[in-house]
Amino acid sequence: VQLQASGGGLVQAGGSLRLSCAASGGPFSTYTVGWFRQTPGKEREFVARIAQYGLTSYADSVKGRFTASRDNAKNTGYLQMNSLKFEDTAVYYCATSNNPFGAPYTYWGHGTLVTVSS
């Protein structure tokens, strides 16, 4: 399975971005799609996930602002990020798992950089 994350960029605080995670080479509709982020010097942290039948889970820091979704016909997962804050600045990664409740994540995409200016 290959994953390609895209959609990052520079946005002002309060703005929005939508990240995409395009998958190829596997039964995407059966996977849980997870989103993670990492900043220099910090551990990678969980952001959100959406399981096969749409069950979602979010980190407390993004609840109410971020929404994970998926389009199985397009083999793509999405992370809609609204009301962005400076502290959301990070490299964002998508990953897939066979576990509807998250880990272990087997396949990872390259990251996409999100920069939020204050």
C-alpha atoms as a PDB file:
ATOM      1  CA  VAL A   1       0.000   0.000   0.000  1.00  0.00           C
ATOM      2  CA  GLN A   2       1.278   3.425  -0.904  1.00  0.00           C
ATOM      3  CA  LEU A   3      -0.052   6.559   0.738  1.00  0.00           C
ATOM      4  CA  GLN A   4       0.345  10.102  -0.504  1.00  0.00           C
ATOM      5  CA  ALA A   5      -0.552  12.945   1.809  1.00  0.00           C
ATOM      6  CA  SER A   6      -1.155  16.376   0.301  1.00  0.00           C
ATOM      7  CA  GLY A   7      -2.888  19.643   0.946  1.00  0.00           C
ATOM      8  CA  GLY A   8      -0.518  21.267   3.371  1.00  0.00           C
ATOM      9  CA  GLY A   9       0.513  24.864   3.093  1.00  0.00           C
ATOM     10  CA  LEU A  10       0.702  28.232   4.763  1.00  0.00           C
ATOM     11  CA  VAL A  11      -2.434  29.602   6.356  1.00  0.00           C
ATOM     12  CA  GLN A  12      -3.240  32.356   8.793  1.00  0.00           C
ATOM     13  CA  ALA A  13      -4.504  31.549  12.244  1.00  0.00           C
ATOM     14  CA  GLY A  14      -8.247  31.019  12.116  1.00  0.00           C
ATOM     15  CA  GLY A  15      -8.085  29.694   8.604  1.00  0.00           C
ATOM     16  CA  SER A  16      -8.763  26.258   7.157  1.00  0.00           C
ATOM     17  CA  LEU A  17      -7.006  23.564   5.195  1.00  0.00           C
ATOM     18  CA  ARG A  18      -8.033  20.158   3.961  1.00  0.00           C
ATOM     19  CA  LEU A  19      -5.462  17.412   3.840  1.00  0.00           C
ATOM     20  CA  SER A  20      -5.860  14.422   1.570  1.00  0.00           C
ATOM     21  CA  CYS A  21      -4.417  10.933   1.864  1.00  0.00           C
ATOM     22  CA  ALA A  22      -4.566   9.032  -1.411  1.00  0.00           C
ATOM     23  CA  ALA A  23      -4.015   5.290  -1.172  1.00  0.00           C
ATOM     24  CA  SER A  24      -3.076   2.754  -3.780  1.00  0.00           C
ATOM     25  CA  GLY A  25      -2.359  -0.948  -3.788  1.00  0.00           C
ATOM     26  CA  GLY A  26      -4.646  -2.211  -1.060  1.00  0.00           C
ATOM     27  CA  PRO A  27      -8.248  -2.642   0.081  1.00  0.00           C
ATOM     28  CA  PHE A  28      -8.584   0.951   1.221  1.00  0.00           C
ATOM     29  CA  SER A  29     -12.214   0.633   2.246  1.00  0.00           C
ATOM     30  CA  THR A  30     -11.289  -1.851   4.970  1.00  0.00           C
ATOM     31  CA  TYR A  31      -8.575   0.285   6.531  1.00  0.00           C
ATOM     32  CA  THR A  32      -8.631   2.698   9.390  1.00  0.00           C
ATOM     33  CA  VAL A  33      -7.025   5.941   8.243  1.00  0.00           C
ATOM     34  CA  GLY A  34      -5.060   7.727  10.911  1.00  0.00           C
ATOM     35  CA  TRP A  35      -3.650  11.222  10.948  1.00  0.00           C
ATOM     36  CA  PHE A  36      -0.596  12.200  12.962  1.00  0.00           C
ATOM     37  CA  ARG A  37       1.613  15.242  13.242  1.00  0.00           C
ATOM     38  CA  GLN A  38       5.127  16.008  14.330  1.00  0.00           C
ATOM     39  CA  THR A  39       7.127  19.116  15.074  1.00  0.00           C
ATOM     40  CA  PRO A  40      10.904  19.288  15.427  1.00  0.00           C
ATOM     41  CA  GLY A  41      12.130  17.910  18.723  1.00  0.00           C
ATOM     42  CA  LYS A  42       8.779  16.382  19.627  1.00  0.00           C
ATOM     43  CA  GLU A  43       7.294  12.931  19.389  1.00  0.00           C
ATOM     44  CA  ARG A  44       4.829  12.236  16.643  1.00  0.00           C
ATOM     45  CA  GLU A  45       1.347  12.629  18.037  1.00  0.00           C
ATOM     46  CA  PHE A  46      -2.035  11.242  17.152  1.00  0.00           C
ATOM     47  CA  VAL A  47      -4.474  13.712  15.623  1.00  0.00           C
ATOM     48  CA  ALA A  48      -7.475  11.786  14.311  1.00  0.00           C
ATOM     49  CA  ARG A  49      -8.613   8.559  12.768  1.00  0.00           C
ATOM     50  CA  ILE A  50     -11.566   7.249  10.827  1.00  0.00           C
ATOM     51  CA  ALA A  51     -12.342   3.569  10.753  1.00  0.00           C
ATOM     52  CA  GLN A  52     -13.875   1.444   8.037  1.00  0.00           C
ATOM     53  CA  TYR A  53     -17.493   2.293   8.836  1.00  0.00           C
ATOM     54  CA  GLY A  54     -16.871   5.917   9.677  1.00  0.00           C
ATOM     55  CA  LEU A  55     -16.135   5.695  13.400  1.00  0.00           C
ATOM     56  CA  THR A  56     -13.918   8.638  14.248  1.00  0.00           C
ATOM     57  CA  SER A  57     -11.679   9.592  17.115  1.00  0.00           C
ATOM     58  CA  TYR A  58      -9.809  12.832  17.791  1.00  0.00           C
ATOM     59  CA  ALA A  59      -7.101  14.168  19.998  1.00  0.00           C
ATOM     60  CA  ASP A  60      -8.472  16.553  22.591  1.00  0.00           C
ATOM     61  CA  SER A  61      -6.435  19.379  21.094  1.00  0.00           C
ATOM     62  CA  VAL A  62      -8.308  19.224  17.792  1.00  0.00           C
ATOM     63  CA  LYS A  63     -11.807  18.163  18.821  1.00  0.00           C
ATOM     64  CA  GLY A  64     -14.436  20.436  17.385  1.00  0.00           C
ATOM     65  CA  ARG A  65     -11.984  21.918  14.861  1.00  0.00           C
ATOM     66  CA  PHE A  66     -10.774  18.971  12.781  1.00  0.00           C
ATOM     67  CA  THR A  67     -12.901  16.423  10.955  1.00  0.00           C
ATOM     68  CA  ALA A  68     -11.703  13.154   9.474  1.00  0.00           C
ATOM     69  CA  SER A  69     -13.609  11.713   6.548  1.00  0.00           C
ATOM     70  CA  ARG A  70     -13.109   9.291   3.714  1.00  0.00           C
ATOM     71  CA  ASP A  71     -14.217   8.589   0.189  1.00  0.00           C
ATOM     72  CA  ASN A  72     -13.742   4.901  -0.443  1.00  0.00           C
ATOM     73  CA  ALA A  73     -14.626   5.265  -4.110  1.00  0.00           C
ATOM     74  CA  LYS A  74     -11.597   7.509  -4.479  1.00  0.00           C
ATOM     75  CA  ASN A  75      -9.387   5.547  -2.063  1.00  0.00           C
ATOM     76  CA  THR A  76      -8.815   8.790  -0.233  1.00  0.00           C
ATOM     77  CA  GLY A  77      -9.007   9.973   3.326  1.00  0.00           C
ATOM     78  CA  TYR A  78      -9.369  13.592   4.338  1.00  0.00           C
ATOM     79  CA  LEU A  79      -8.637  15.776   7.311  1.00  0.00           C
ATOM     80  CA  GLN A  80     -10.581  19.020   7.323  1.00  0.00           C
ATOM     81  CA  MET A  81      -8.854  21.477   9.621  1.00  0.00           C
ATOM     82  CA  ASN A  82     -10.756  24.579  10.688  1.00  0.00           C
ATOM     83  CA  SER A  83      -9.980  27.355  13.138  1.00  0.00           C
ATOM     84  CA  LEU A  84      -6.314  26.609  12.801  1.00  0.00           C
ATOM     85  CA  LYS A  85      -3.990  27.736  15.526  1.00  0.00           C
ATOM     86  CA  PHE A  86      -0.290  28.494  15.523  1.00  0.00           C
ATOM     87  CA  GLU A  87       0.284  25.354  17.568  1.00  0.00           C
ATOM     88  CA  ASP A  88      -1.209  23.234  14.777  1.00  0.00           C
ATOM     89  CA  THR A  89       1.925  23.927  12.755  1.00  0.00           C
ATOM     90  CA  ALA A  90       3.553  20.568  12.031  1.00  0.00           C
ATOM     91  CA  VAL A  91       4.270  17.973   9.431  1.00  0.00           C
ATOM     92  CA  TYR A  92       1.137  15.890   9.071  1.00  0.00           C
ATOM     93  CA  TYR A  93       1.214  12.210   8.182  1.00  0.00           C
ATOM     94  CA  CYS A  94      -1.456   9.730   7.240  1.00  0.00           C
ATOM     95  CA  ALA A  95      -1.280   6.031   7.944  1.00  0.00           C
ATOM     96  CA  THR A  96      -3.477   2.968   7.644  1.00  0.00           C
ATOM     97  CA  SER A  97      -4.348   0.223  10.077  1.00  0.00           C
ATOM     98  CA  ASN A  98      -6.413  -2.938  10.069  1.00  0.00           C
ATOM     99  CA  ASN A  99      -7.594  -2.132  13.587  1.00  0.00           C
ATOM    100  CA  PRO A 100     -10.740   0.012  13.783  1.00  0.00           C
ATOM    101  CA  PHE A 101      -9.478   1.349  17.094  1.00  0.00           C
ATOM    102  CA  GLY A 102      -6.134   2.504  15.767  1.00  0.00           C
ATOM    103  CA  ALA A 103      -2.670   1.004  16.242  1.00  0.00           C
ATOM    104  CA  PRO A 104      -0.745  -0.662  14.902  1.00  0.00           C
ATOM    105  CA  TYR A 105      -0.471   1.444  11.771  1.00  0.00           C
ATOM    106  CA  THR A 106       1.166  -0.544   9.031  1.00  0.00           C
ATOM    107  CA  TYR A 107       1.611   1.850   6.157  1.00  0.00           C
ATOM    108  CA  TRP A 108       2.672   5.472   6.323  1.00  0.00           C
ATOM    109  CA  GLY A 109       2.728   8.246   3.813  1.00  0.00           C
ATOM    110  CA  HIS A 110       5.229  11.010   3.484  1.00  0.00           C
ATOM    111  CA  GLY A 111       4.289  14.059   5.421  1.00  0.00           C
ATOM    112  CA  THR A 112       2.771  17.309   4.298  1.00  0.00           C
ATOM    113  CA  LEU A 113       3.749  20.526   6.020  1.00  0.00           C
ATOM    114  CA  VAL A 114       1.128  22.744   7.586  1.00  0.00           C
ATOM    115  CA  THR A 115       2.291  26.158   8.713  1.00  0.00           C
ATOM    116  CA  VAL A 116      -0.077  28.409  10.620  1.00  0.00           C
ATOM    117  CA  SER A 117       0.992  32.005  10.950  1.00  0.00           C
ATOM    118  CA  SER A 118      -0.078  33.905  14.019  1.00  0.00           C
END
